[in-house]
Protein backbone atom coordinates (compact mmCIF):
# COMPACT_ATOMS: atom_id res chain seq x y z
CA MET A 1 19.21 2.31 -28.55
CA GLU A 2 18.25 -0.85 -29.89
CA ASN A 3 15.53 -3.08 -28.31
CA ILE A 4 13.05 -0.39 -27.73
CA PRO A 5 10.09 -0.01 -29.69
CA VAL A 6 9.52 3.18 -32.02
CA ILE A 7 6.15 4.88 -31.39
CA LYS A 8 3.80 5.89 -34.16
CA LEU A 9 0.70 7.58 -33.00
CA GLY A 10 -2.56 7.45 -34.56
CA LEU A 11 -4.86 10.27 -33.75
CA VAL A 12 -8.28 9.70 -34.39
CA ALA A 13 -11.15 12.23 -33.45
CA VAL A 14 -14.81 11.46 -32.58
CA SER A 15 -17.89 12.94 -32.74
CA ARG A 16 -21.41 12.40 -31.08
CA ASP A 17 -23.88 12.77 -33.96
CA CYS A 18 -26.13 15.59 -32.17
CA PHE A 19 -23.29 17.79 -32.32
CA PRO A 20 -21.32 19.00 -35.75
CA ILE A 21 -19.08 16.73 -36.96
CA ALA A 22 -17.03 19.57 -38.61
CA LEU A 23 -16.27 20.47 -34.79
CA SER A 24 -14.32 17.53 -34.04
CA GLU A 25 -12.55 17.59 -37.40
CA LYS A 26 -11.79 21.30 -37.70
CA ARG A 27 -10.01 20.78 -33.75
CA ARG A 28 -8.28 17.87 -34.87
CA ALA A 29 -6.60 19.53 -38.05
CA ALA A 30 -5.57 22.01 -34.94
CA ILE A 31 -3.48 19.71 -32.98
CA ALA A 32 -1.89 17.70 -35.87
CA GLU A 33 -0.52 20.84 -37.32
CA LYS A 34 1.08 21.25 -33.41
CA CYS A 35 1.96 17.89 -33.78
CA GLY A 36 4.07 18.57 -36.76
CA GLN A 37 5.38 21.44 -35.72
CA LYS A 38 6.58 19.02 -32.56
CA LYS A 39 8.17 16.74 -35.20
CA LEU A 40 6.15 13.88 -33.93
CA ASP A 41 6.01 10.53 -35.59
CA PHE A 42 2.05 10.45 -35.93
CA VAL A 43 -0.66 9.84 -38.61
CA GLU A 44 -4.12 11.93 -38.41
CA ILE A 45 -6.66 9.38 -38.76
CA LYS A 46 -9.05 11.16 -41.78
CA THR A 47 -12.46 8.98 -40.38
CA THR A 48 -14.16 10.71 -37.44
CA VAL A 49 -15.86 8.24 -35.25
CA GLU A 50 -19.58 8.67 -34.98
CA ASN A 51 -20.77 5.05 -34.22
CA GLU A 52 -19.20 1.46 -34.16
CA LYS A 53 -18.66 0.88 -38.08
CA ASP A 54 -16.54 4.01 -37.85
CA MET A 55 -14.55 2.72 -34.83
CA LEU A 56 -13.78 -0.15 -37.12
CA LYS A 57 -12.77 1.48 -40.31
CA ALA A 58 -11.00 4.22 -38.10
CA VAL A 59 -8.84 0.97 -36.21
CA GLU A 60 -8.40 -0.29 -39.77
CA GLU A 61 -6.77 3.03 -40.89
CA LEU A 62 -4.81 2.83 -37.82
CA ASN A 63 -3.45 -0.92 -38.32
CA ALA A 64 -2.92 0.00 -42.07
CA ALA A 65 -0.66 3.27 -41.25
CA GLY A 66 1.47 1.19 -39.03
CA CYS A 67 0.49 2.47 -35.72
CA ASN A 68 1.33 1.37 -32.06
CA ALA A 69 -0.06 3.74 -30.34
CA ALA A 70 -3.20 6.03 -30.25
CA CYS A 71 -5.09 9.22 -29.43
CA VAL A 72 -8.62 9.15 -29.54
CA PHE A 73 -9.56 13.01 -29.09
CA LEU A 74 -12.82 14.02 -28.05
CA GLY A 75 -13.57 17.28 -30.61
CA ASN A 76 -16.91 17.43 -28.44
CA PHE A 77 -18.86 15.29 -26.38
CA GLY A 78 -17.96 12.14 -28.29
CA PRO A 79 -19.91 8.93 -28.90
CA GLU A 80 -19.31 6.59 -25.60
CA THR A 81 -19.76 3.22 -26.72
CA PRO A 82 -17.69 3.49 -30.36
CA GLU A 83 -15.26 6.24 -28.62
CA THR A 84 -14.32 3.26 -25.82
CA LEU A 85 -14.43 0.31 -28.17
CA ILE A 86 -11.01 1.81 -29.84
CA ALA A 87 -9.03 0.99 -26.79
CA ARG A 88 -11.23 -3.00 -27.33
CA TYR A 89 -10.44 -3.29 -31.01
CA PHE A 90 -6.93 -1.25 -31.31
CA ASP A 91 -4.18 -4.04 -30.23
CA GLY A 92 -1.84 -0.94 -28.46
CA PRO A 93 -1.86 1.85 -25.68
CA VAL A 94 -4.47 4.41 -26.28
CA MET A 95 -4.83 7.91 -24.74
CA PHE A 96 -7.74 9.70 -24.36
CA VAL A 97 -7.94 13.32 -24.37
CA ALA A 98 -10.37 16.18 -24.61
CA ALA A 99 -11.26 19.45 -26.23
CA ALA A 100 -11.24 22.68 -24.68
CA GLU A 101 -13.63 25.61 -25.54
CA GLY A 102 -11.92 28.77 -27.23
CA ASP A 103 -13.73 28.64 -30.80
CA GLY A 104 -15.10 31.79 -30.38
CA ASP A 105 -18.63 31.20 -31.03
CA MET A 106 -20.50 29.64 -28.10
CA ILE A 107 -23.50 28.67 -30.17
CA ASN A 108 -23.15 26.36 -32.64
CA GLY A 109 -19.38 26.11 -31.65
CA ARG A 110 -19.46 24.78 -28.21
CA GLY A 111 -18.77 21.13 -27.92
CA ASP A 112 -18.68 20.01 -24.12
CA ALA A 113 -16.04 18.05 -24.26
CA TYR A 114 -15.57 18.77 -20.74
CA CYS A 115 -18.50 16.67 -19.82
CA GLY A 116 -18.34 13.82 -22.71
CA MET A 117 -14.82 13.05 -21.06
CA LEU A 118 -16.70 11.98 -17.93
CA ASN A 119 -18.90 9.63 -19.41
CA CYS A 120 -15.58 8.24 -21.31
CA SER A 121 -14.11 7.22 -18.32
CA TYR A 122 -17.16 6.13 -17.11
CA ASN A 123 -17.76 3.88 -19.81
CA LEU A 124 -14.28 2.36 -20.34
CA GLY A 125 -14.93 1.39 -16.68
CA MET A 126 -17.68 -0.22 -17.40
CA ARG A 127 -16.09 -2.32 -20.18
CA HIS A 128 -13.12 -2.89 -18.05
CA LEU A 129 -10.82 -1.33 -20.92
CA LYS A 130 -7.82 0.18 -20.34
CA GLY A 131 -7.00 3.64 -21.32
CA TYR A 132 -4.34 6.26 -20.35
CA ILE A 133 -6.34 10.21 -19.17
CA PRO A 134 -3.14 12.18 -18.37
CA GLU A 135 -3.78 14.44 -15.16
CA TYR A 136 -5.88 17.29 -16.65
CA PRO A 137 -7.19 15.71 -19.92
CA VAL A 138 -8.60 18.86 -21.72
CA GLY A 139 -7.06 21.52 -23.58
CA THR A 140 -6.32 23.68 -26.44
CA ALA A 141 -4.64 22.02 -29.53
CA GLY A 142 -1.15 23.12 -28.21
CA GLU A 143 -1.85 21.84 -24.66
CA LEU A 144 -2.97 18.38 -25.98
CA ALA A 145 0.54 18.29 -28.52
CA ASP A 146 1.98 18.40 -25.38
CA LYS A 147 0.10 15.82 -23.66
CA ILE A 148 0.45 13.77 -26.86
CA ALA A 149 4.51 14.55 -26.89
CA GLU A 150 4.43 13.03 -23.32
CA PHE A 151 1.95 10.16 -24.09
CA ILE A 152 4.64 9.07 -26.60
CA PRO A 153 7.32 7.55 -24.15
CA ILE A 154 4.83 6.42 -22.17
CA ALA A 155 3.35 4.15 -24.62
CA ARG A 156 6.73 2.92 -25.50
CA VAL A 157 7.04 1.61 -22.36
CA ILE A 158 3.36 -0.35 -22.44
CA VAL A 159 4.66 -1.49 -26.14
CA GLY A 160 7.97 -2.81 -24.85
CA LEU A 161 6.46 -4.78 -21.82
CA LYS A 162 3.83 -6.32 -24.09
CA ASN A 163 6.72 -7.14 -26.32
CA LEU A 164 9.11 -8.42 -23.61
CA LYS A 165 10.65 -11.51 -22.84
CA ILE A 166 13.36 -11.71 -19.55
CA ILE A 167 15.68 -14.53 -20.10
CA THR A 168 17.76 -15.42 -17.04
CA PHE A 169 20.75 -17.63 -15.95
CA GLY A 170 20.56 -18.83 -12.29
CA PRO A 171 20.24 -19.76 -10.14
CA ARG A 172 20.17 -17.08 -7.80
CA PRO A 173 23.16 -16.42 -5.29
CA GLN A 174 22.92 -18.17 -1.95
CA ASP A 175 21.32 -15.62 1.07
CA PHE A 176 20.43 -13.18 -1.77
CA PHE A 177 16.93 -13.86 -0.92
CA ALA A 178 16.13 -9.92 -1.73
CA CYS A 179 16.32 -11.07 -5.29
CA ASN A 180 13.40 -13.33 -4.55
CA ALA A 181 11.18 -12.97 -7.62
CA PRO A 182 7.83 -14.47 -7.60
CA ILE A 183 7.04 -14.68 -11.61
CA LYS A 184 3.41 -14.30 -10.99
CA GLY A 185 3.53 -10.56 -11.17
CA LEU A 186 5.35 -11.15 -14.63
CA TYR A 187 2.66 -12.65 -16.22
CA GLU A 188 0.17 -10.28 -14.91
CA LEU A 189 2.33 -7.48 -16.46
CA GLY A 190 2.22 -9.47 -20.00
CA ILE A 191 6.08 -10.33 -19.73
CA GLU A 192 7.45 -13.74 -20.72
CA ILE A 193 10.01 -15.36 -18.56
CA GLU A 194 12.83 -17.92 -19.94
CA GLU A 195 14.86 -19.56 -17.16
CA ASN A 196 18.11 -20.99 -18.11
CA SER A 197 20.88 -22.77 -15.43
CA GLU A 198 24.60 -21.07 -15.79
CA LEU A 199 25.26 -24.25 -17.17
CA ASP A 200 23.84 -23.47 -20.29
CA LEU A 201 25.84 -20.12 -20.84
CA LEU A 202 28.49 -21.79 -20.15
CA VAL A 203 28.43 -24.43 -23.22
CA SER A 204 26.77 -21.50 -25.56
CA TYR A 205 29.76 -19.65 -24.21
CA LYS A 206 32.31 -22.44 -25.26
CA GLU A 207 30.70 -23.05 -28.49
CA HIS A 208 31.60 -19.20 -29.38
CA ALA A 209 35.08 -19.83 -29.14
CA GLY A 210 37.19 -18.83 -31.85
CA ASP A 211 33.82 -16.81 -33.65
CA LYS A 212 34.97 -14.72 -36.31
CA ARG A 213 33.19 -11.49 -35.19
CA ILE A 214 35.33 -11.26 -32.01
CA PRO A 215 38.31 -9.41 -33.05
CA ALA A 216 35.53 -6.35 -34.60
CA VAL A 217 33.91 -6.58 -31.03
CA CYS A 218 37.36 -6.37 -29.53
CA GLU A 219 38.18 -3.41 -31.50
CA ASP A 220 35.15 -2.00 -30.82
CA MET A 221 35.43 -2.46 -26.54
CA ALA A 222 39.22 -1.03 -27.20
CA LYS A 223 37.43 2.09 -29.01
CA GLU A 224 34.93 2.53 -26.41
CA MET A 225 37.50 2.67 -23.32
CA GLY A 226 40.61 3.89 -24.50
CA GLU A 227 44.22 2.97 -24.40
CA GLY A 228 45.28 2.15 -20.63
CA LYS A 229 41.59 1.41 -19.73
CA TYR A 230 41.37 -1.97 -20.35
CA TYR A 231 43.20 -5.40 -20.35
CA SER A 232 44.08 -6.09 -23.65
CA ASP A 233 44.59 -10.02 -22.99
CA MET A 234 40.83 -10.01 -21.81
CA LEU A 235 39.15 -8.29 -24.50
CA GLU A 236 38.88 -11.87 -26.47
CA ARG A 237 36.69 -13.71 -23.94
CA MET A 238 34.53 -10.70 -22.77
CA ALA A 239 33.81 -10.37 -26.87
CA GLN A 240 33.28 -13.78 -26.85
CA PHE A 241 30.58 -13.54 -24.08
CA GLU A 242 29.02 -10.69 -25.54
CA LEU A 243 28.28 -12.51 -28.76
CA THR A 244 26.93 -15.02 -26.91
CA LEU A 245 24.45 -13.46 -25.15
CA LEU A 246 23.49 -11.34 -28.21
CA ASP A 247 23.03 -14.71 -30.26
CA TRP A 248 21.24 -16.14 -27.01
CA ALA A 249 18.75 -13.35 -27.26
CA GLU A 250 18.05 -13.55 -31.28
CA ALA A 251 17.50 -17.73 -30.46
CA HIS A 252 15.45 -17.62 -27.65
CA LYS A 253 12.99 -14.38 -28.03
CA GLY A 254 10.74 -16.23 -29.64
CA ALA A 255 7.28 -14.51 -29.98
CA ARG A 256 8.55 -11.57 -28.61
CA LYS A 257 9.99 -8.31 -29.99
CA TYR A 258 12.66 -7.67 -27.18
CA VAL A 259 14.46 -9.23 -24.83
CA ALA A 260 16.53 -8.39 -21.24
CA PHE A 261 18.75 -10.42 -19.31
CA ALA A 262 18.92 -11.22 -15.67
CA ASP A 263 22.30 -13.29 -15.06
CA LYS A 264 23.98 -14.94 -12.29
CA CYS A 265 27.31 -13.63 -12.18
CA TRP A 266 29.23 -14.64 -8.95
CA PRO A 267 30.84 -16.41 -7.43
CA ALA A 268 31.19 -19.54 -10.23
CA PHE A 269 31.23 -17.10 -13.18
CA PRO A 270 34.63 -15.82 -13.16
CA SER A 271 36.50 -18.74 -12.42
CA GLN A 272 34.45 -20.71 -15.09
CA PHE A 273 34.35 -18.09 -17.76
CA GLY A 274 37.72 -16.29 -17.16
CA PHE A 275 36.59 -13.17 -16.48
CA GLU A 276 33.80 -10.83 -14.29
CA PRO A 277 31.04 -10.18 -16.54
CA CYS A 278 29.97 -6.55 -15.51
CA TYR A 279 31.70 -4.82 -18.28
CA VAL A 280 29.62 -6.49 -20.92
CA ASN A 281 26.85 -5.79 -19.26
CA SER A 282 27.27 -2.38 -19.13
CA ARG A 283 27.66 -2.42 -23.08
CA LEU A 284 24.26 -4.43 -23.43
CA ALA A 285 22.57 -2.08 -21.23
CA SER A 286 24.02 1.10 -23.29
CA ARG A 287 22.53 -0.26 -26.22
CA GLY A 288 18.80 -0.89 -24.38
CA ILE A 289 19.41 -4.51 -23.38
CA PRO A 290 19.77 -4.22 -19.74
CA VAL A 291 21.78 -7.00 -18.32
CA SER A 292 20.66 -7.15 -14.14
CA CYS A 293 23.10 -8.85 -11.53
CA GLU A 294 22.85 -11.50 -9.72
CA VAL A 295 19.54 -12.90 -11.13
CA ASP A 296 17.80 -9.49 -10.30
CA ILE A 297 14.53 -10.24 -12.53
CA TYR A 298 12.65 -7.26 -11.06
CA GLY A 299 16.07 -5.08 -11.19
CA CYS A 300 16.00 -5.98 -14.98
CA LEU A 301 12.28 -5.16 -15.52
CA SER A 302 13.25 -1.82 -13.96
CA GLU A 303 15.94 -1.29 -15.91
CA TYR A 304 14.49 -2.01 -19.29
CA ILE A 305 10.87 0.70 -18.14
CA GLY A 306 13.92 3.25 -17.98
CA ALA A 307 15.47 2.73 -20.82
CA CYS A 308 11.97 2.78 -23.15
CA LEU A 309 10.94 5.41 -20.99
CA THR A 310 14.18 7.69 -21.60
CA GLY A 311 15.66 6.00 -24.94
CA ASP A 312 18.72 6.56 -23.02
CA ALA A 313 21.15 3.97 -21.23
CA VAL A 314 20.19 3.05 -17.35
CA THR A 315 21.99 1.23 -14.60
CA LEU A 316 21.07 -0.88 -11.88
CA LEU A 317 22.90 0.06 -8.24
CA ASP A 318 22.91 -1.31 -4.93
CA ILE A 319 21.62 1.51 -2.66
CA ASN A 320 24.76 0.82 -0.59
CA ASN A 321 26.35 2.97 2.22
CA SER A 322 26.07 5.91 3.84
CA VAL A 323 28.21 9.35 2.89
CA PRO A 324 30.89 9.56 5.60
CA GLU A 325 30.59 12.65 7.58
CA TYR A 326 34.26 14.00 6.39
CA ILE A 327 33.55 13.38 2.89
CA TYR A 328 29.69 15.56 3.18
CA ASP A 329 31.71 17.92 5.65
CA LYS A 330 34.54 18.87 3.42
CA ASP A 331 32.68 18.43 -0.08
CA ILE A 332 28.57 18.93 0.08
CA LYS A 333 27.60 21.17 3.27
CA GLY A 334 27.50 24.22 2.54
CA LYS A 335 27.95 24.01 -1.20
CA PHE A 336 24.63 21.67 -1.91
CA ASP A 337 21.21 21.90 -0.53
CA TYR A 338 21.26 18.75 0.88
CA GLU A 339 21.60 17.65 5.00
CA LEU A 340 23.50 14.32 5.43
CA HIS A 341 20.93 11.53 5.51
CA ASP A 342 19.72 13.21 1.96
CA THR A 343 22.73 11.15 0.86
CA PHE A 344 24.34 8.10 -0.20
CA MET A 345 25.83 5.92 -2.32
CA GLY A 346 24.61 3.83 -5.01
CA PHE A 347 27.19 1.28 -6.09
CA HIS A 348 27.93 -2.07 -7.97
CA CYS A 349 30.90 -3.88 -9.34
CA GLY A 350 31.00 -2.45 -12.85
CA ASN A 351 27.62 -2.42 -14.84
CA THR A 352 26.99 1.40 -15.47
CA PRO A 353 27.76 2.35 -19.03
CA SER A 354 30.94 4.04 -19.50
CA CYS A 355 28.78 6.64 -20.90
CA LYS A 356 27.29 7.77 -17.95
CA MET A 357 30.66 7.20 -16.09
CA CYS A 358 33.56 10.05 -15.04
CA ASP A 359 36.23 9.91 -17.70
CA SER A 360 38.57 8.45 -15.28
CA ARG A 361 36.67 5.01 -15.37
CA ALA A 362 38.50 1.90 -16.89
CA ILE A 363 38.37 -1.62 -16.49
CA LYS A 364 39.84 -3.06 -13.38
CA TYR A 365 39.04 -6.02 -11.29
CA GLN A 366 36.60 -6.70 -8.47
CA LEU A 367 38.01 -6.48 -5.37
CA ILE A 368 35.44 -8.15 -2.97
CA GLN A 369 35.47 -10.90 -5.43
CA HIS A 370 39.32 -11.39 -5.68
CA ARG A 371 39.45 -11.34 -1.82
CA LEU A 372 36.96 -14.28 -1.94
CA LEU A 373 37.86 -16.53 -4.93
CA GLU A 374 41.56 -16.22 -5.86
CA PRO A 375 44.75 -16.87 -3.74
CA GLU A 376 46.01 -14.20 -0.88
CA GLY A 377 48.37 -12.06 -2.50
CA SER A 378 48.27 -13.06 -6.17
CA GLU A 379 47.93 -10.34 -8.67
CA PRO A 380 43.86 -10.14 -10.20
CA ASP A 381 43.63 -12.93 -12.67
CA PHE A 382 39.85 -13.86 -13.14
CA THR A 383 38.15 -11.28 -11.23
CA ARG A 384 39.11 -8.65 -13.82
CA GLY A 385 36.51 -7.06 -15.81
CA THR A 386 34.40 -4.99 -14.19
CA LEU A 387 33.78 -1.43 -15.10
CA GLU A 388 35.38 0.97 -12.37
CA GLY A 389 34.88 4.83 -11.34
CA ASP A 390 32.90 7.46 -10.45
CA ILE A 391 29.45 8.07 -12.21
CA ALA A 392 29.10 11.13 -13.81
CA ALA A 393 26.88 14.40 -11.87
CA GLY A 394 23.66 15.01 -13.21
CA PRO A 395 19.94 14.67 -12.57
CA ILE A 396 18.51 10.86 -11.84
CA THR A 397 15.31 9.14 -11.16
CA PHE A 398 15.89 6.03 -8.55
CA TYR A 399 12.69 3.86 -9.09
CA ARG A 400 12.14 0.14 -8.86
CA LEU A 401 9.22 -2.01 -9.69
CA GLN A 402 8.61 -4.94 -7.57
CA CYS A 403 6.74 -8.16 -7.04
CA ASP A 404 6.57 -8.78 -3.18
CA SER A 405 6.39 -12.12 -1.59
CA GLU A 406 2.91 -12.39 -1.52
CA GLY A 407 2.46 -11.64 -5.46
CA GLU A 408 1.41 -8.26 -5.53
CA VAL A 409 3.29 -5.39 -7.82
CA ARG A 410 4.10 -2.21 -6.11
CA ALA A 411 6.65 0.52 -6.93
CA TYR A 412 8.74 3.33 -5.58
CA LEU A 413 10.18 6.55 -7.34
CA ALA A 414 12.51 9.55 -6.55
CA GLU A 415 13.83 12.21 -8.11
CA GLY A 416 17.21 13.36 -7.37
CA GLU A 417 20.60 13.80 -8.48
CA VAL A 418 24.49 12.11 -8.57
CA LEU A 419 27.08 15.01 -6.94
CA PRO A 420 30.30 16.03 -8.54
CA VAL A 421 32.06 14.99 -5.61
CA ALA A 422 34.70 12.11 -5.48
CA THR A 423 33.28 9.12 -3.60
CA GLN A 424 37.09 8.16 -2.62
CA SER A 425 35.87 4.25 -3.12
CA PHE A 426 35.63 1.21 -5.74
CA GLY A 427 33.77 -0.09 -8.59
CA GLY A 428 31.11 1.85 -10.20
CA ILE A 429 29.78 4.09 -7.59
CA GLY A 430 28.42 7.71 -7.03
CA ILE A 431 26.92 9.89 -4.58
CA PHE A 432 23.11 10.50 -4.77
CA ALA A 433 21.26 13.09 -2.88
CA ILE A 434 17.89 12.47 -2.88
CA LYS A 435 15.43 14.95 -0.85
CA GLU A 436 13.97 13.50 2.79
CA MET A 437 15.90 10.19 1.56
CA GLY A 438 16.69 9.29 4.96
CA ARG A 439 13.02 8.96 5.69
CA PHE A 440 12.25 7.41 2.44
CA TYR A 441 14.91 4.87 3.39
CA ARG A 442 13.13 3.73 6.87
CA HIS A 443 9.33 4.45 5.98
CA VAL A 444 9.55 3.19 1.93
CA LEU A 445 12.26 1.03 1.80
CA VAL A 446 12.73 -1.05 4.79
CA GLN A 447 9.13 -0.35 5.70
CA LYS A 448 7.56 -1.75 2.76
CA ARG A 449 10.43 -4.47 2.35
CA TYR A 450 12.66 -3.88 -1.01
CA PRO A 451 15.60 -5.05 -1.97
CA HIS A 452 18.66 -3.55 -1.89
CA HIS A 453 19.05 -3.35 -6.03
CA GLY A 454 17.32 -0.15 -7.39
CA ALA A 455 16.85 1.03 -11.33
CA VAL A 456 18.50 4.31 -12.29
CA ALA A 457 17.35 6.66 -15.13
CA PHE A 458 19.82 9.38 -15.65
CA ALA A 459 17.14 12.04 -15.78
CA HIS A 460 14.12 13.58 -14.04
CA CYS A 461 11.28 11.68 -15.39
CA GLY A 462 8.97 10.88 -12.10
CA LYS A 463 5.93 12.36 -13.86
CA LEU A 464 5.96 10.12 -16.64
CA LEU A 465 7.48 6.93 -14.83
CA PHE A 466 4.73 7.37 -12.05
CA GLU A 467 1.71 7.44 -15.54
CA VAL A 468 3.35 4.19 -16.13
CA PHE A 469 3.09 2.68 -12.90
CA LYS A 470 -0.47 3.65 -12.73
CA TYR A 471 -1.42 2.78 -16.56
CA LEU A 472 0.33 -0.95 -15.27
CA GLY A 473 -2.50 -1.06 -12.51
CA VAL A 474 0.35 -0.62 -9.29
CA LYS A 475 -1.54 0.25 -6.80
CA ASP A 476 1.11 1.10 -4.03
CA ILE A 477 3.32 3.72 -5.52
CA ALA A 478 5.46 5.32 -3.52
CA TRP A 479 8.13 8.67 -3.56
CA ASN A 480 10.24 10.91 -1.37
CA GLN A 481 7.43 12.44 0.99
CA PRO A 482 7.97 15.78 1.84
CA LYS A 483 8.10 16.66 5.75
CA ASN A 484 4.76 18.15 5.41
CA LEU A 485 3.66 15.29 4.18
CA PRO A 486 3.98 12.15 7.39
CA TYR A 487 4.36 8.53 5.94
CA PRO A 488 2.19 6.20 7.88
CA THR A 489 4.38 4.53 9.90
CA GLU A 490 6.27 7.64 10.70
CA ASN A 491 6.57 8.38 14.78
CA PRO A 492 5.40 12.31 14.91
CA TRP A 493 7.05 12.66 17.92
CA ALA A 494 10.44 11.21 16.25
């Protein structure tokens, strides 16, 4: 995967000066051994922090080692001021964990880090410093190594967003108020945005005509799709567009390291560029460069979060249509543990990466756009370029981070799966199943006025995604609640 950070984590032990420093150092070494067994990319920082000068020295070591994330380990009670100041002086996400007792000596070998974690959190709050504290932050060396392993993808998201620029080509299509995107929320999250006209993109695309790199990209596209699954006369145009986006990203990222796109893709795009951009968008998404449809800025941001968290391709889909009862009765009922209202179809014209689709996927034409833009009864021409087929079965997390019309950032997430059931429809599409989706649809998606686009990560990553949203300061995080936990707006007599 390109365009996402690689995390190198520094392990820093702290010690209160009235406790034996050797206790923290011995316990740090034990964690380092467990992290090494897990083959984590980490550095054991040798300075043990007892005071502010030690803190500065430890931060110097972190920087010198090229660390972009840190774990502060309370091997004993810990020094409240120096340990929390690491989060101020170190320019990266910082996790705080504490040692559980169990070294066999409860006189000189008791560290009281269980107590110290309370004051650590209290001091972080007083200084308005952000630190990541896991669900249960106290543990043995092996347990803490597991928590560090879970923190690394979380840190990948935080570092990625801190260095992200979202590039848009708009404006948004008429009547797509669902893609309304107050950019205030982006700045609050530390993300930059560059908004451009669709004409800017067209000018740049035309300037790439005859680019010497086009044949190699065409060859790669043909290899990816396989014979009979693409339009040979379309490849040059699509390759030209792919190079246009990649060159724009490189030329416009500025002070940022990472880029994601939110592009207008209809109605003017196909007639002016000569193709639908969906397949090219899917190729970039498979490399960690999301290109969201319909200038959906927060959809693009959500995709990028998922790419960083999973290190894998993601997609953006419409929460599109209900599953017909005849499909449910024939292919789902009695075979899978879902009710009809637990299911829905997720669809987009063709932006899902080919690696997440069934083998029958192919580059086709956009049926809706063909009806709208090309002469009735004609063969599809410039409405070709979508990547269509059923999405492959497997676990998913459906989620979105959104800035609402009041400027508040909120989020939802729900784990589920794509079922191995034929959709009998068109586009890039799959039958999704999420427990209690019907209630979630009404009391979260509808009630809280979320747009119709949702991001899809192809893994169960709800636990870590929830932690990411918490770290980002999102106060309203919704999920698919079980029946015994009603939503505030749910009618108890319904």
